[in-house]
Amino acid sequence: MKNAPGPYTTEPSLLLFRRRLAALMRVTGVGQDELADMIGQSSRSIGLWLTGVRLPSAVSLKALSRTFGVPADWLLGADAVEIASGLTRLAEIASAPKTMDEGADKVPD
C-alpha cells in the first residue's frame, strides 16, 4: 500500500479524528484499554486510531459516538456548522413531497 497513511499522518480526516478521540479520552479519563473494552475492540485498534494509522469501521465509529455522546460526523472532522447544515438538509429532504408515483410500490391485489 504505497499511499496508505502511516503513523502521525497529516491527512486531514485522520489528523482531526485522532486529535478529537485523544481529547475525549483525556477529558473523560478513559484509557486505551478501558475504551477498547467499552466498545468491543482491541487496545491495539484504539492505538492505531490514536496514531493516525487507521480510521475505525462504521460500527466502531458508531460505538465511539454513543460512548462519548458526540456525533460521528464531529469525530471525523465536521464542525458544528457543517453538522447543523447537514441536519437542516436532511429535514428538507424528509419534508419534501414524494415525486414518485404513490402506488408504484404497492403489490397488486
N, C-alpha and C. Protein backbone atom coordinates (compact mmCIF):
# COMPACT_ATOMS: atom_id res chain seq x y z
N MET A 1 0.84 -1.17 0.00
CA MET A 1 0.00 0.00 0.00
C MET A 1 0.88 1.23 0.00
N LYS A 2 1.22 1.65 -1.14
CA LYS A 2 2.15 2.75 -1.29
C LYS A 2 1.63 4.07 -0.71
N ASN A 3 0.36 4.36 -0.93
CA ASN A 3 -0.20 5.64 -0.49
C ASN A 3 -0.95 5.56 0.84
N ALA A 4 -0.84 4.43 1.54
CA ALA A 4 -1.55 4.29 2.81
C ALA A 4 -0.96 5.24 3.84
N PRO A 5 -1.81 5.84 4.66
CA PRO A 5 -1.30 6.75 5.68
C PRO A 5 -0.50 5.98 6.73
N GLY A 6 0.51 6.59 7.25
CA GLY A 6 1.32 5.97 8.28
C GLY A 6 1.12 6.67 9.60
N PRO A 7 1.87 6.27 10.61
CA PRO A 7 1.74 6.93 11.90
C PRO A 7 2.02 8.43 11.77
N TYR A 8 1.32 9.19 12.55
CA TYR A 8 1.49 10.64 12.59
C TYR A 8 1.23 11.28 11.22
N THR A 9 0.24 10.77 10.56
CA THR A 9 -0.15 11.28 9.25
C THR A 9 -0.60 12.73 9.34
N THR A 10 -0.52 13.41 8.23
CA THR A 10 -1.04 14.78 8.17
C THR A 10 -2.32 14.82 7.34
N GLU A 11 -2.85 13.66 6.95
CA GLU A 11 -4.09 13.60 6.20
C GLU A 11 -5.19 14.19 7.10
N PRO A 12 -5.92 15.20 6.62
CA PRO A 12 -6.84 15.96 7.49
C PRO A 12 -7.85 15.14 8.29
N SER A 13 -8.56 14.20 7.66
CA SER A 13 -9.59 13.48 8.41
C SER A 13 -8.98 12.60 9.49
N LEU A 14 -7.85 11.98 9.20
CA LEU A 14 -7.19 11.15 10.21
C LEU A 14 -6.64 12.01 11.34
N LEU A 15 -6.07 13.14 10.98
CA LEU A 15 -5.48 14.03 11.98
C LEU A 15 -6.55 14.56 12.93
N LEU A 16 -7.65 15.03 12.39
CA LEU A 16 -8.73 15.54 13.24
C LEU A 16 -9.33 14.43 14.08
N PHE A 17 -9.55 13.26 13.47
CA PHE A 17 -10.14 12.16 14.22
C PHE A 17 -9.27 11.79 15.41
N ARG A 18 -7.99 11.58 15.18
CA ARG A 18 -7.13 11.14 16.29
C ARG A 18 -7.01 12.21 17.36
N ARG A 19 -7.00 13.49 16.98
CA ARG A 19 -6.95 14.56 17.98
C ARG A 19 -8.22 14.60 18.80
N ARG A 20 -9.35 14.47 18.13
CA ARG A 20 -10.62 14.53 18.85
C ARG A 20 -10.82 13.31 19.74
N LEU A 21 -10.44 12.15 19.27
CA LEU A 21 -10.55 10.94 20.10
C LEU A 21 -9.65 11.07 21.33
N ALA A 22 -8.42 11.50 21.12
CA ALA A 22 -7.49 11.66 22.25
C ALA A 22 -8.03 12.68 23.26
N ALA A 23 -8.61 13.77 22.76
CA ALA A 23 -9.16 14.79 23.65
C ALA A 23 -10.33 14.23 24.46
N LEU A 24 -11.21 13.48 23.81
CA LEU A 24 -12.35 12.89 24.52
C LEU A 24 -11.87 11.92 25.60
N MET A 25 -10.88 11.13 25.26
CA MET A 25 -10.34 10.18 26.23
C MET A 25 -9.71 10.92 27.41
N ARG A 26 -8.98 11.96 27.13
CA ARG A 26 -8.31 12.73 28.18
C ARG A 26 -9.34 13.40 29.10
N VAL A 27 -10.33 14.05 28.51
CA VAL A 27 -11.34 14.78 29.29
C VAL A 27 -12.18 13.83 30.14
N THR A 28 -12.49 12.67 29.61
CA THR A 28 -13.33 11.72 30.35
C THR A 28 -12.52 10.79 31.24
N GLY A 29 -11.21 10.80 31.09
CA GLY A 29 -10.36 9.93 31.90
C GLY A 29 -10.42 8.47 31.50
N VAL A 30 -10.82 8.21 30.28
CA VAL A 30 -10.92 6.84 29.77
C VAL A 30 -9.60 6.47 29.10
N GLY A 31 -9.01 5.38 29.55
CA GLY A 31 -7.76 4.92 28.96
C GLY A 31 -8.00 4.04 27.74
N GLN A 32 -6.92 3.73 27.05
CA GLN A 32 -6.99 2.94 25.82
C GLN A 32 -7.59 1.56 26.06
N ASP A 33 -7.14 0.87 27.11
CA ASP A 33 -7.67 -0.47 27.41
C ASP A 33 -9.14 -0.42 27.81
N GLU A 34 -9.48 0.58 28.61
CA GLU A 34 -10.87 0.73 29.05
C GLU A 34 -11.79 1.02 27.87
N LEU A 35 -11.37 1.92 26.98
CA LEU A 35 -12.18 2.24 25.81
C LEU A 35 -12.35 1.01 24.93
N ALA A 36 -11.29 0.26 24.77
CA ALA A 36 -11.36 -0.97 23.97
C ALA A 36 -12.43 -1.90 24.52
N ASP A 37 -12.45 -2.08 25.83
CA ASP A 37 -13.47 -2.94 26.46
C ASP A 37 -14.87 -2.36 26.28
N MET A 38 -14.99 -1.05 26.39
CA MET A 38 -16.30 -0.40 26.30
C MET A 38 -16.95 -0.57 24.92
N ILE A 39 -16.12 -0.56 23.88
CA ILE A 39 -16.70 -0.61 22.53
C ILE A 39 -16.46 -1.93 21.82
N GLY A 40 -15.86 -2.89 22.52
CA GLY A 40 -15.67 -4.21 21.94
C GLY A 40 -14.57 -4.28 20.89
N GLN A 41 -13.53 -3.51 21.08
CA GLN A 41 -12.38 -3.52 20.16
C GLN A 41 -11.13 -3.89 20.94
N SER A 42 -10.07 -4.14 20.22
CA SER A 42 -8.80 -4.42 20.87
C SER A 42 -8.10 -3.11 21.22
N SER A 43 -7.26 -3.17 22.23
CA SER A 43 -6.47 -2.00 22.60
C SER A 43 -5.56 -1.61 21.44
N ARG A 44 -5.10 -2.59 20.69
CA ARG A 44 -4.25 -2.32 19.52
C ARG A 44 -5.00 -1.48 18.49
N SER A 45 -6.27 -1.79 18.25
CA SER A 45 -7.07 -1.00 17.31
C SER A 45 -7.17 0.45 17.76
N ILE A 46 -7.43 0.65 19.05
CA ILE A 46 -7.51 2.01 19.57
C ILE A 46 -6.18 2.73 19.34
N GLY A 47 -5.08 2.01 19.58
CA GLY A 47 -3.76 2.59 19.36
C GLY A 47 -3.53 2.99 17.91
N LEU A 48 -4.01 2.18 16.98
CA LEU A 48 -3.87 2.51 15.56
C LEU A 48 -4.67 3.76 15.20
N TRP A 49 -5.82 3.92 15.83
CA TRP A 49 -6.63 5.11 15.59
C TRP A 49 -5.94 6.34 16.17
N LEU A 50 -5.40 6.19 17.37
CA LEU A 50 -4.76 7.33 18.05
C LEU A 50 -3.47 7.79 17.37
N THR A 51 -2.81 6.88 16.67
CA THR A 51 -1.58 7.26 15.98
C THR A 51 -1.83 7.67 14.53
N GLY A 52 -3.08 7.58 14.09
CA GLY A 52 -3.41 8.01 12.74
C GLY A 52 -3.11 6.99 11.66
N VAL A 53 -2.91 5.75 12.05
CA VAL A 53 -2.64 4.70 11.06
C VAL A 53 -3.94 4.26 10.39
N ARG A 54 -5.01 4.23 11.15
CA ARG A 54 -6.30 3.76 10.62
C ARG A 54 -7.44 4.59 11.18
N LEU A 55 -8.54 4.54 10.47
CA LEU A 55 -9.81 5.05 10.98
C LEU A 55 -10.65 3.85 11.41
N PRO A 56 -11.54 4.04 12.37
CA PRO A 56 -12.40 2.92 12.79
C PRO A 56 -13.43 2.57 11.71
N SER A 57 -13.95 1.36 11.80
CA SER A 57 -15.03 0.95 10.91
C SER A 57 -16.28 1.76 11.27
N ALA A 58 -17.28 1.67 10.44
CA ALA A 58 -18.53 2.38 10.71
C ALA A 58 -19.15 1.91 12.03
N VAL A 59 -19.08 0.62 12.30
CA VAL A 59 -19.64 0.08 13.54
C VAL A 59 -18.88 0.64 14.75
N SER A 60 -17.56 0.67 14.66
CA SER A 60 -16.76 1.20 15.76
C SER A 60 -16.97 2.71 15.93
N LEU A 61 -17.10 3.40 14.82
CA LEU A 61 -17.35 4.84 14.87
C LEU A 61 -18.67 5.13 15.57
N LYS A 62 -19.67 4.34 15.27
CA LYS A 62 -20.98 4.48 15.92
C LYS A 62 -20.85 4.22 17.43
N ALA A 63 -20.08 3.19 17.79
CA ALA A 63 -19.88 2.88 19.21
C ALA A 63 -19.14 4.01 19.92
N LEU A 64 -18.14 4.58 19.27
CA LEU A 64 -17.42 5.72 19.86
C LEU A 64 -18.36 6.91 20.05
N SER A 65 -19.16 7.16 19.04
CA SER A 65 -20.11 8.27 19.09
C SER A 65 -21.06 8.12 20.27
N ARG A 66 -21.59 6.94 20.44
CA ARG A 66 -22.52 6.69 21.54
C ARG A 66 -21.81 6.72 22.89
N THR A 67 -20.62 6.17 22.96
CA THR A 67 -19.87 6.13 24.21
C THR A 67 -19.56 7.52 24.73
N PHE A 68 -19.13 8.40 23.84
CA PHE A 68 -18.74 9.74 24.25
C PHE A 68 -19.86 10.78 24.10
N GLY A 69 -20.98 10.39 23.47
CA GLY A 69 -22.10 11.32 23.31
C GLY A 69 -21.82 12.45 22.34
N VAL A 70 -21.07 12.16 21.30
CA VAL A 70 -20.78 13.16 20.27
C VAL A 70 -21.18 12.61 18.91
N PRO A 71 -21.50 13.48 17.95
CA PRO A 71 -21.85 12.99 16.62
C PRO A 71 -20.64 12.34 15.92
N ALA A 72 -20.90 11.28 15.20
CA ALA A 72 -19.83 10.63 14.44
C ALA A 72 -19.21 11.60 13.44
N ASP A 73 -20.03 12.46 12.86
CA ASP A 73 -19.52 13.47 11.92
C ASP A 73 -18.47 14.35 12.58
N TRP A 74 -18.72 14.72 13.83
CA TRP A 74 -17.77 15.56 14.56
C TRP A 74 -16.46 14.82 14.77
N LEU A 75 -16.55 13.55 15.13
CA LEU A 75 -15.32 12.75 15.31
C LEU A 75 -14.48 12.74 14.04
N LEU A 76 -15.14 12.73 12.90
CA LEU A 76 -14.44 12.66 11.62
C LEU A 76 -14.01 14.03 11.09
N GLY A 77 -14.30 15.09 11.83
CA GLY A 77 -13.78 16.38 11.43
C GLY A 77 -14.79 17.46 11.13
N ALA A 78 -16.06 17.12 11.09
CA ALA A 78 -17.06 18.15 10.80
C ALA A 78 -17.17 19.10 11.98
N ASP A 79 -17.45 20.36 11.68
CA ASP A 79 -17.68 21.31 12.77
C ASP A 79 -19.19 21.45 12.99
N ALA A 80 -19.57 22.19 13.99
CA ALA A 80 -20.98 22.33 14.35
C ALA A 80 -21.81 22.90 13.21
N VAL A 81 -21.25 23.83 12.45
CA VAL A 81 -21.98 24.44 11.34
C VAL A 81 -22.27 23.39 10.26
N GLU A 82 -21.27 22.57 9.94
CA GLU A 82 -21.47 21.53 8.94
C GLU A 82 -22.50 20.51 9.39
N ILE A 83 -22.46 20.15 10.66
CA ILE A 83 -23.43 19.19 11.19
C ILE A 83 -24.83 19.77 11.15
N ALA A 84 -24.98 21.02 11.59
CA ALA A 84 -26.29 21.67 11.57
C ALA A 84 -26.81 21.81 10.14
N SER A 85 -25.93 22.14 9.21
CA SER A 85 -26.32 22.26 7.82
C SER A 85 -26.80 20.92 7.27
N GLY A 86 -26.09 19.86 7.62
CA GLY A 86 -26.49 18.53 7.19
C GLY A 86 -27.83 18.13 7.76
N LEU A 87 -28.08 18.45 9.02
CA LEU A 87 -29.36 18.12 9.64
C LEU A 87 -30.50 18.93 9.01
N THR A 88 -30.22 20.19 8.69
CA THR A 88 -31.22 21.02 8.02
C THR A 88 -31.57 20.44 6.66
N ARG A 89 -30.54 20.03 5.92
CA ARG A 89 -30.77 19.44 4.60
C ARG A 89 -31.55 18.13 4.71
N LEU A 90 -31.24 17.32 5.71
CA LEU A 90 -31.96 16.08 5.93
C LEU A 90 -33.44 16.35 6.22
N ALA A 91 -33.71 17.37 7.03
CA ALA A 91 -35.10 17.74 7.34
C ALA A 91 -35.83 18.20 6.07
N GLU A 92 -35.13 18.95 5.21
CA GLU A 92 -35.73 19.40 3.95
C GLU A 92 -36.09 18.21 3.06
N ILE A 93 -35.19 17.25 2.99
CA ILE A 93 -35.43 16.06 2.16
C ILE A 93 -36.61 15.28 2.71
N ALA A 94 -36.65 15.12 4.04
CA ALA A 94 -37.71 14.34 4.67
C ALA A 94 -39.08 15.00 4.49
N SER A 95 -39.12 16.33 4.46
CA SER A 95 -40.41 17.01 4.35
C SER A 95 -40.82 17.30 2.91
N ALA A 96 -39.95 17.02 1.95
CA ALA A 96 -40.27 17.28 0.54
C ALA A 96 -41.35 16.32 0.07
N PRO A 97 -42.23 16.79 -0.80
CA PRO A 97 -43.27 15.90 -1.33
C PRO A 97 -42.64 14.77 -2.13
N LYS A 98 -43.26 13.64 -2.05
CA LYS A 98 -42.78 12.48 -2.80
C LYS A 98 -42.99 12.73 -4.28
N THR A 99 -41.98 12.41 -5.08
CA THR A 99 -42.08 12.66 -6.52
C THR A 99 -42.43 11.41 -7.30
N MET A 100 -42.26 10.26 -6.70
CA MET A 100 -42.59 9.05 -7.46
C MET A 100 -44.04 8.69 -7.24
N ASP A 101 -44.59 7.92 -8.15
CA ASP A 101 -45.98 7.51 -8.09
C ASP A 101 -46.26 6.83 -6.75
N GLU A 102 -47.22 7.35 -6.00
CA GLU A 102 -47.51 6.84 -4.66
C GLU A 102 -47.91 5.37 -4.68
N GLY A 103 -48.50 4.89 -5.74
CA GLY A 103 -48.94 3.49 -5.79
C GLY A 103 -47.92 2.55 -6.40
N ALA A 104 -46.78 3.05 -6.81
CA ALA A 104 -45.81 2.24 -7.52
C ALA A 104 -45.20 1.15 -6.67
N ASP A 105 -45.14 1.35 -5.37
CA ASP A 105 -44.52 0.33 -4.53
C ASP A 105 -45.52 -0.65 -3.94
N LYS A 106 -46.80 -0.50 -4.28
CA LYS A 106 -47.82 -1.41 -3.74
C LYS A 106 -47.93 -2.66 -4.62
N VAL A 107 -48.19 -3.75 -3.95
CA VAL A 107 -48.38 -5.01 -4.65
C VAL A 107 -49.84 -5.09 -5.10
N PRO A 108 -50.07 -5.43 -6.37
CA PRO A 108 -51.47 -5.51 -6.85
C PRO A 108 -52.23 -6.60 -6.11
N ASP A 109 -53.56 -6.40 -5.99
CA ASP A 109 -54.42 -7.39 -5.30
C ASP A 109 -54.56 -8.66 -6.06
